[in-house]
Amino acid sequence: MVLALQAKLKAKSKVEVVRRGLRLLRDATEREALRAAYRHASRATRASLSRELGELDHLAAEGLSES
């Protein structure tokens, strides 16, 4: 498998193939952890955000004259 990837990637060595694979794995793992953190933060603030927007809704048209 490494030799096939080495040829496909035009890598100079098997070590380079393995390093690229490890970097890809690290990047994918970091992205997934970031997605999970955003999901958690979104869920944590969703209820309070809706409530606060409801409290401020009456200000949306304040100062506008009806013509």
N, C-alpha and C. Protein backbone atom coordinates (compact mmCIF):
# COMPACT_ATOMS: atom_id res chain seq x y z
N MET A 1 0.82 -1.18 0.00
CA MET A 1 0.00 0.00 0.00
C MET A 1 0.87 1.25 0.00
N VAL A 2 1.90 1.25 0.80
CA VAL A 2 2.79 2.41 0.88
C VAL A 2 3.49 2.64 -0.46
N LEU A 3 3.91 1.55 -1.09
CA LEU A 3 4.59 1.70 -2.39
C LEU A 3 3.64 2.26 -3.44
N ALA A 4 2.39 1.82 -3.44
CA ALA A 4 1.41 2.34 -4.40
C ALA A 4 1.16 3.82 -4.15
N LEU A 5 1.02 4.20 -2.89
CA LEU A 5 0.82 5.61 -2.56
C LEU A 5 2.05 6.44 -2.89
N GLN A 6 3.22 5.87 -2.68
CA GLN A 6 4.46 6.58 -2.99
C GLN A 6 4.51 6.92 -4.47
N ALA A 7 4.13 5.98 -5.30
CA ALA A 7 4.13 6.22 -6.75
C ALA A 7 3.05 7.23 -7.12
N LYS A 8 1.87 7.08 -6.54
CA LYS A 8 0.75 7.97 -6.86
C LYS A 8 1.03 9.41 -6.42
N LEU A 9 1.64 9.56 -5.26
CA LEU A 9 1.94 10.89 -4.72
C LEU A 9 3.26 11.45 -5.24
N LYS A 10 3.99 10.62 -5.96
CA LYS A 10 5.33 10.98 -6.43
C LYS A 10 6.22 11.42 -5.26
N ALA A 11 6.09 10.68 -4.16
CA ALA A 11 6.88 10.95 -2.97
C ALA A 11 8.28 10.35 -3.14
N LYS A 12 9.24 10.98 -2.51
CA LYS A 12 10.62 10.52 -2.64
C LYS A 12 10.90 9.27 -1.80
N SER A 13 10.15 9.13 -0.69
CA SER A 13 10.42 7.98 0.17
C SER A 13 9.14 7.48 0.84
N LYS A 14 9.25 6.29 1.41
CA LYS A 14 8.12 5.73 2.15
C LYS A 14 7.84 6.57 3.39
N VAL A 15 8.89 7.11 3.98
CA VAL A 15 8.74 7.94 5.18
C VAL A 15 7.88 9.16 4.85
N GLU A 16 8.09 9.75 3.70
CA GLU A 16 7.31 10.92 3.28
C GLU A 16 5.83 10.55 3.15
N VAL A 17 5.54 9.37 2.62
CA VAL A 17 4.16 8.90 2.48
C VAL A 17 3.52 8.78 3.86
N VAL A 18 4.23 8.16 4.79
CA VAL A 18 3.70 7.97 6.14
C VAL A 18 3.51 9.33 6.83
N ARG A 19 4.45 10.23 6.68
CA ARG A 19 4.33 11.57 7.29
C ARG A 19 3.12 12.31 6.73
N ARG A 20 2.91 12.23 5.44
CA ARG A 20 1.74 12.89 4.83
C ARG A 20 0.46 12.31 5.39
N GLY A 21 0.42 11.00 5.52
CA GLY A 21 -0.76 10.34 6.07
C GLY A 21 -1.02 10.76 7.51
N LEU A 22 0.04 10.86 8.29
CA LEU A 22 -0.12 11.28 9.69
C LEU A 22 -0.58 12.73 9.78
N ARG A 23 -0.05 13.59 8.91
CA ARG A 23 -0.49 14.99 8.89
C ARG A 23 -1.97 15.10 8.52
N LEU A 24 -2.39 14.32 7.52
CA LEU A 24 -3.80 14.32 7.14
C LEU A 24 -4.69 13.85 8.28
N LEU A 25 -4.25 12.81 8.97
CA LEU A 25 -5.00 12.30 10.11
C LEU A 25 -5.10 13.35 11.22
N ARG A 26 -3.99 14.01 11.51
CA ARG A 26 -3.98 15.06 12.54
C ARG A 26 -4.92 16.20 12.16
N ASP A 27 -4.85 16.65 10.91
CA ASP A 27 -5.70 17.75 10.46
C ASP A 27 -7.18 17.38 10.53
N ALA A 28 -7.51 16.17 10.11
CA ALA A 28 -8.90 15.73 10.14
C ALA A 28 -9.40 15.64 11.58
N THR A 29 -8.56 15.16 12.47
CA THR A 29 -8.93 15.03 13.88
C THR A 29 -9.13 16.40 14.50
N GLU A 30 -8.25 17.35 14.19
CA GLU A 30 -8.38 18.70 14.72
C GLU A 30 -9.65 19.36 14.20
N ARG A 31 -9.97 19.17 12.93
CA ARG A 31 -11.19 19.75 12.37
C ARG A 31 -12.42 19.18 13.06
N GLU A 32 -12.42 17.88 13.31
CA GLU A 32 -13.57 17.26 13.97
C GLU A 32 -13.72 17.78 15.39
N ALA A 33 -12.62 17.95 16.09
CA ALA A 33 -12.68 18.49 17.45
C ALA A 33 -13.22 19.92 17.43
N LEU A 34 -12.82 20.71 16.46
CA LEU A 34 -13.31 22.08 16.32
C LEU A 34 -14.80 22.09 16.02
N ARG A 35 -15.25 21.22 15.12
CA ARG A 35 -16.68 21.11 14.81
C ARG A 35 -17.48 20.76 16.06
N ALA A 36 -16.96 19.82 16.83
CA ALA A 36 -17.66 19.41 18.06
C ALA A 36 -17.74 20.56 19.05
N ALA A 37 -16.68 21.33 19.17
CA ALA A 37 -16.68 22.48 20.08
C ALA A 37 -17.70 23.53 19.64
N TYR A 38 -17.79 23.78 18.34
CA TYR A 38 -18.78 24.74 17.83
C TYR A 38 -20.20 24.22 18.07
N ARG A 39 -20.43 22.92 17.84
CA ARG A 39 -21.75 22.34 18.10
C ARG A 39 -22.14 22.53 19.55
N HIS A 40 -21.21 22.24 20.44
CA HIS A 40 -21.47 22.35 21.88
C HIS A 40 -21.77 23.80 22.25
N ALA A 41 -20.99 24.74 21.75
CA ALA A 41 -21.21 26.16 22.06
C ALA A 41 -22.54 26.64 21.49
N SER A 42 -22.89 26.19 20.31
CA SER A 42 -24.15 26.58 19.70
C SER A 42 -25.33 26.08 20.52
N ARG A 43 -25.27 24.83 20.95
CA ARG A 43 -26.35 24.29 21.78
C ARG A 43 -26.46 25.02 23.10
N ALA A 44 -25.31 25.37 23.67
CA ALA A 44 -25.30 26.03 24.97
C ALA A 44 -25.89 27.43 24.91
N THR A 45 -25.75 28.11 23.80
CA THR A 45 -26.23 29.49 23.70
C THR A 45 -27.56 29.62 22.98
N ARG A 46 -28.04 28.58 22.36
CA ARG A 46 -29.25 28.66 21.54
C ARG A 46 -30.47 29.17 22.32
N ALA A 47 -30.72 28.62 23.48
CA ALA A 47 -31.90 29.00 24.26
C ALA A 47 -31.80 30.44 24.74
N SER A 48 -30.66 30.82 25.27
CA SER A 48 -30.53 32.19 25.78
C SER A 48 -30.55 33.20 24.64
N LEU A 49 -30.03 32.85 23.49
CA LEU A 49 -30.05 33.77 22.35
C LEU A 49 -31.47 34.03 21.89
N SER A 50 -32.29 33.01 21.79
CA SER A 50 -33.69 33.18 21.40
C SER A 50 -34.42 34.07 22.39
N ARG A 51 -34.18 33.85 23.66
CA ARG A 51 -34.83 34.64 24.71
C ARG A 51 -34.39 36.11 24.61
N GLU A 52 -33.10 36.35 24.46
CA GLU A 52 -32.60 37.72 24.38
C GLU A 52 -33.09 38.44 23.13
N LEU A 53 -33.14 37.73 22.01
CA LEU A 53 -33.66 38.35 20.79
C LEU A 53 -35.14 38.70 20.95
N GLY A 54 -35.88 37.85 21.62
CA GLY A 54 -37.29 38.13 21.90
C GLY A 54 -37.44 39.37 22.75
N GLU A 55 -36.56 39.55 23.72
CA GLU A 55 -36.61 40.72 24.59
C GLU A 55 -36.29 42.01 23.83
N LEU A 56 -35.47 41.92 22.80
CA LEU A 56 -35.07 43.10 22.04
C LEU A 56 -35.92 43.33 20.80
N ASP A 57 -36.83 42.42 20.51
CA ASP A 57 -37.62 42.49 19.28
C ASP A 57 -38.41 43.79 19.17
N HIS A 58 -38.94 44.28 20.28
CA HIS A 58 -39.74 45.49 20.23
C HIS A 58 -38.93 46.72 19.82
N LEU A 59 -37.62 46.65 19.94
CA LEU A 59 -36.77 47.78 19.55
C LEU A 59 -36.49 47.85 18.06
N ALA A 60 -36.83 46.81 17.34
CA ALA A 60 -36.49 46.74 15.92
C ALA A 60 -37.13 47.87 15.11
N ALA A 61 -38.33 48.26 15.47
CA ALA A 61 -39.03 49.30 14.70
C ALA A 61 -39.06 50.64 15.44
N GLU A 62 -38.36 50.73 16.55
CA GLU A 62 -38.38 51.94 17.35
C GLU A 62 -37.79 53.11 16.55
N GLY A 63 -38.49 54.23 16.55
CA GLY A 63 -37.99 55.42 15.87
C GLY A 63 -38.39 55.50 14.41
N LEU A 64 -39.02 54.47 13.88
CA LEU A 64 -39.47 54.51 12.49
C LEU A 64 -40.88 55.07 12.45
N SER A 65 -41.09 56.01 11.59
CA SER A 65 -42.44 56.57 11.49
C SER A 65 -43.23 55.78 10.47
N GLU A 66 -44.52 55.66 10.71
CA GLU A 66 -45.39 54.97 9.77
C GLU A 66 -45.84 55.97 8.71
N SER A 67 -45.54 55.71 7.46
CA SER A 67 -45.90 56.63 6.40
C SER A 67 -46.93 56.05 5.48
